[in-house]
Amino acid sequence: MNEMAREGLAKYRQLRDEVSELSEKLANLHKDQMACKKVCSECCMNFQVLPVEYFAILDELKQNPPAQYRELDDEAEECNFLIDDLCQIYASRPFICRTHGLPLLYMNQEGDAWELSACPLNFTDFDDFHAENTYPQDTYNSKIFMINQEFIKHYEAEQFGEFDLIPVNRLVVDLKK
C-alpha cells in the first residue's frame, strides 16, 4: 500500500477515535436508558463498510488476528466475528458497531427534517433528545465518506467507486492471504 493510501488509513483511525470518544460519552450519559450491555448482539450483522474502513480493520487484524471467527460467506447476514454474542474484533469494529444502541440523529431522505433512530430495547421511557445528547450520524458519515474518497484515489491494489461497500465478512478471506 502506498504512502497516500496509508495516510487515508491514519485519517480514518483518527476519526474513529473521535467517534469512539463521543460514543462513550453518549453511552455514559444515557446509561440508565440503555439496555445494551456486553453480550447484547441484537444489532450485530455482516455490515458493509467503505473501503477505507475495511482496509483499516484488515490492517489491524493482520497485526493482531482474532482468536476465533466463523467462515460464513460474504452474503451471510450473520457476522463472522460474533462468537457467543461477543465481538472478536471489538477494538477494530466499524463505526456502525461503535454507535449501536445510541440515539442517532440524521436528516431524512427528503432533506427537510431531522429524524431519530434508536434501538427499540433502549429509551423506552425517555424522549428528551436534542443535538447535545444524540450522535450526529450525518456529520460523521460525511467525514468518513470524504476520507474514503481520498483513500480510493490512492489505493492501487483494487479499484473502487466512491459508493462501493465491502462486506465485513470478506475480512476472513483477506486475512488468509
Protein backbone atom coordinates (compact mmCIF):
# COMPACT_ATOMS: atom_id res chain seq x y z
CA MET A 1 0.00 0.00 0.00
CA ASN A 2 1.43 3.37 -0.96
CA GLU A 3 2.03 6.26 1.43
CA MET A 4 -1.02 8.28 0.36
CA ALA A 5 -3.32 5.31 0.98
CA ARG A 6 -1.66 4.78 4.40
CA GLU A 7 -2.40 8.44 5.19
CA GLY A 8 -6.06 7.72 4.48
CA LEU A 9 -6.00 4.86 6.98
CA ALA A 10 -4.42 7.17 9.57
CA LYS A 11 -7.13 9.80 8.99
CA TYR A 12 -9.78 7.12 9.33
CA ARG A 13 -8.28 5.92 12.64
CA GLN A 14 -8.17 9.48 13.96
CA LEU A 15 -11.86 9.92 13.08
CA ARG A 16 -12.64 6.51 14.59
CA ASP A 17 -11.04 7.64 17.85
CA GLU A 18 -13.27 10.73 17.79
CA VAL A 19 -16.36 8.57 17.17
CA SER A 20 -15.37 6.21 19.98
CA GLU A 21 -14.88 9.10 22.40
CA LEU A 22 -18.28 10.59 21.53
CA SER A 23 -19.96 7.16 21.66
CA GLU A 24 -18.52 6.51 25.11
CA LYS A 25 -19.65 9.94 26.32
CA LEU A 26 -23.18 9.34 25.00
CA ALA A 27 -23.31 5.80 26.43
CA ASN A 28 -22.36 7.20 29.86
CA LEU A 29 -24.91 9.99 29.53
CA HIS A 30 -27.69 7.54 28.64
CA LYS A 31 -26.57 4.55 30.73
CA ASP A 32 -29.84 4.47 32.69
CA GLN A 33 -31.92 4.26 29.49
CA MET A 34 -29.74 1.77 27.58
CA ALA A 35 -30.36 -1.95 27.72
CA CYS A 36 -27.30 -2.59 25.52
CA LYS A 37 -24.62 -4.29 27.55
CA LYS A 38 -21.91 -6.86 26.93
CA VAL A 39 -23.35 -9.92 25.11
CA CYS A 40 -26.23 -7.94 23.63
CA SER A 41 -25.88 -8.70 19.94
CA GLU A 42 -29.34 -7.80 18.63
CA CYS A 43 -27.84 -5.32 16.13
CA CYS A 44 -24.80 -7.35 15.08
CA MET A 45 -24.67 -8.49 11.47
CA ASN A 46 -22.48 -8.65 8.39
CA PHE A 47 -22.40 -4.93 7.68
CA GLN A 48 -20.92 -3.42 4.56
CA VAL A 49 -18.36 -0.67 5.05
CA LEU A 50 -16.45 1.79 2.92
CA PRO A 51 -13.07 0.61 1.58
CA VAL A 52 -11.04 2.89 3.88
CA GLU A 53 -12.76 1.40 6.91
CA TYR A 54 -12.45 -2.13 5.59
CA PHE A 55 -8.72 -1.87 4.89
CA ALA A 56 -8.00 -0.12 8.20
CA ILE A 57 -9.70 -3.01 10.00
CA LEU A 58 -7.90 -5.57 7.84
CA ASP A 59 -4.55 -3.90 8.52
CA GLU A 60 -5.17 -4.09 12.28
CA LEU A 61 -6.39 -7.69 12.16
CA LYS A 62 -3.32 -8.78 10.21
CA GLN A 63 -1.21 -7.36 13.04
CA ASN A 64 -3.44 -8.79 15.76
CA PRO A 65 -5.56 -11.67 14.36
CA PRO A 66 -8.81 -12.51 16.12
CA ALA A 67 -8.68 -15.58 18.34
CA GLN A 68 -11.80 -17.00 16.71
CA TYR A 69 -14.07 -16.38 13.78
CA ARG A 70 -16.56 -18.20 11.65
CA GLU A 71 -16.29 -18.71 7.90
CA LEU A 72 -19.63 -17.54 6.60
CA ASP A 73 -19.80 -16.25 3.07
CA ASP A 74 -19.91 -12.55 2.18
CA GLU A 75 -23.67 -12.75 1.59
CA ALA A 76 -24.50 -14.18 5.03
CA GLU A 77 -26.47 -11.91 7.33
CA GLU A 78 -24.53 -13.03 10.40
CA CYS A 79 -21.12 -11.57 11.19
CA ASN A 80 -18.10 -13.88 11.07
CA PHE A 81 -16.70 -12.21 14.17
CA LEU A 82 -19.67 -12.64 16.51
CA ILE A 83 -18.98 -15.70 18.66
CA ASP A 84 -21.20 -16.46 21.66
CA ASP A 85 -22.62 -12.94 21.44
CA LEU A 86 -19.15 -11.37 21.78
CA CYS A 87 -17.35 -9.40 19.09
CA GLN A 88 -13.96 -10.93 18.32
CA ILE A 89 -12.73 -7.70 16.65
CA TYR A 90 -14.17 -5.24 19.17
CA ALA A 91 -11.15 -2.89 19.21
CA SER A 92 -11.23 -2.65 15.40
CA ARG A 93 -15.00 -2.77 14.87
CA PRO A 94 -16.60 -0.45 12.28
CA PHE A 95 -18.24 2.91 13.04
CA ILE A 96 -21.71 1.42 12.79
CA CYS A 97 -20.89 -1.09 15.50
CA ARG A 98 -19.42 1.63 17.74
CA THR A 99 -22.68 3.58 17.68
CA HIS A 100 -25.20 0.74 18.15
CA GLY A 101 -27.80 1.47 20.77
CA LEU A 102 -27.11 5.19 20.86
CA PRO A 103 -29.71 7.73 19.78
CA LEU A 104 -28.72 8.61 16.20
CA LEU A 105 -29.77 11.93 14.70
CA TYR A 106 -29.88 12.20 10.90
CA MET A 107 -31.58 14.12 8.11
CA ASN A 108 -34.49 12.32 6.46
CA GLN A 109 -34.43 11.22 2.80
CA GLU A 110 -36.23 14.36 1.68
CA GLY A 111 -33.68 16.56 3.47
CA ASP A 112 -36.32 18.61 5.24
CA ALA A 113 -36.46 17.19 8.77
CA TRP A 114 -34.27 15.58 11.41
CA GLU A 115 -35.07 12.02 12.39
CA LEU A 116 -34.00 9.95 15.34
CA SER A 117 -33.11 6.28 15.34
CA ALA A 118 -32.50 4.22 18.45
CA CYS A 119 -32.61 0.57 19.42
CA PRO A 120 -36.17 -0.41 20.41
CA LEU A 121 -34.73 -2.04 23.56
CA ASN A 122 -33.41 1.34 24.70
CA PHE A 123 -35.08 4.61 25.62
CA THR A 124 -38.47 3.11 26.39
CA ASP A 125 -39.17 5.89 28.95
CA PHE A 126 -37.05 8.70 27.54
CA ASP A 127 -37.81 11.18 24.81
CA ASP A 128 -35.77 14.31 25.57
CA PHE A 129 -33.49 14.07 22.54
CA HIS A 130 -31.59 17.05 21.18
CA ALA A 131 -28.31 17.79 19.39
CA GLU A 132 -26.22 17.57 22.58
CA ASN A 133 -27.36 14.09 23.61
CA THR A 134 -27.50 12.31 20.26
CA TYR A 135 -24.93 11.01 17.81
CA PRO A 136 -24.80 13.26 14.69
CA GLN A 137 -24.75 10.42 12.18
CA ASP A 138 -24.71 12.60 9.03
CA THR A 139 -21.72 14.59 10.27
CA TYR A 140 -19.57 11.52 10.80
CA ASN A 141 -20.85 9.73 7.71
CA SER A 142 -19.82 12.77 5.66
CA LYS A 143 -16.38 12.85 7.23
CA ILE A 144 -15.68 9.17 6.60
CA PHE A 145 -17.07 9.47 3.07
CA MET A 146 -14.60 12.27 2.30
CA ILE A 147 -11.69 10.33 3.82
CA ASN A 148 -12.75 7.32 1.74
CA GLN A 149 -12.88 9.38 -1.48
CA GLU A 150 -9.25 10.35 -0.99
CA PHE A 151 -8.25 6.82 0.04
CA ILE A 152 -9.71 5.11 -3.05
CA LYS A 153 -7.87 7.56 -5.33
CA HIS A 154 -4.58 6.24 -3.96
CA TYR A 155 -5.35 2.60 -3.19
CA GLU A 156 -3.78 0.70 -6.07
CA ALA A 157 -4.42 -2.97 -5.28
CA GLU A 158 -8.11 -2.78 -6.17
CA GLN A 159 -10.37 -0.21 -7.82
CA PHE A 160 -13.45 1.12 -6.01
CA GLY A 161 -16.17 3.62 -6.83
CA GLU A 162 -16.99 6.26 -4.26
CA PHE A 163 -20.19 4.45 -3.22
CA ASP A 164 -18.77 0.91 -3.16
CA LEU A 165 -19.06 -1.04 0.07
CA ILE A 166 -17.31 -4.20 1.23
CA PRO A 167 -18.94 -6.82 3.50
CA VAL A 168 -17.18 -7.21 6.84
CA ASN A 169 -17.29 -11.00 6.38
CA ARG A 170 -14.81 -10.67 3.49
CA LEU A 171 -12.15 -9.93 6.13
CA VAL A 172 -11.81 -13.67 6.83
CA VAL A 173 -10.81 -14.36 3.22
CA ASP A 174 -8.36 -11.43 3.13
CA LEU A 175 -6.83 -12.37 6.48
CA LYS A 176 -5.73 -15.68 4.96
CA LYS A 177 -3.85 -14.04 2.06
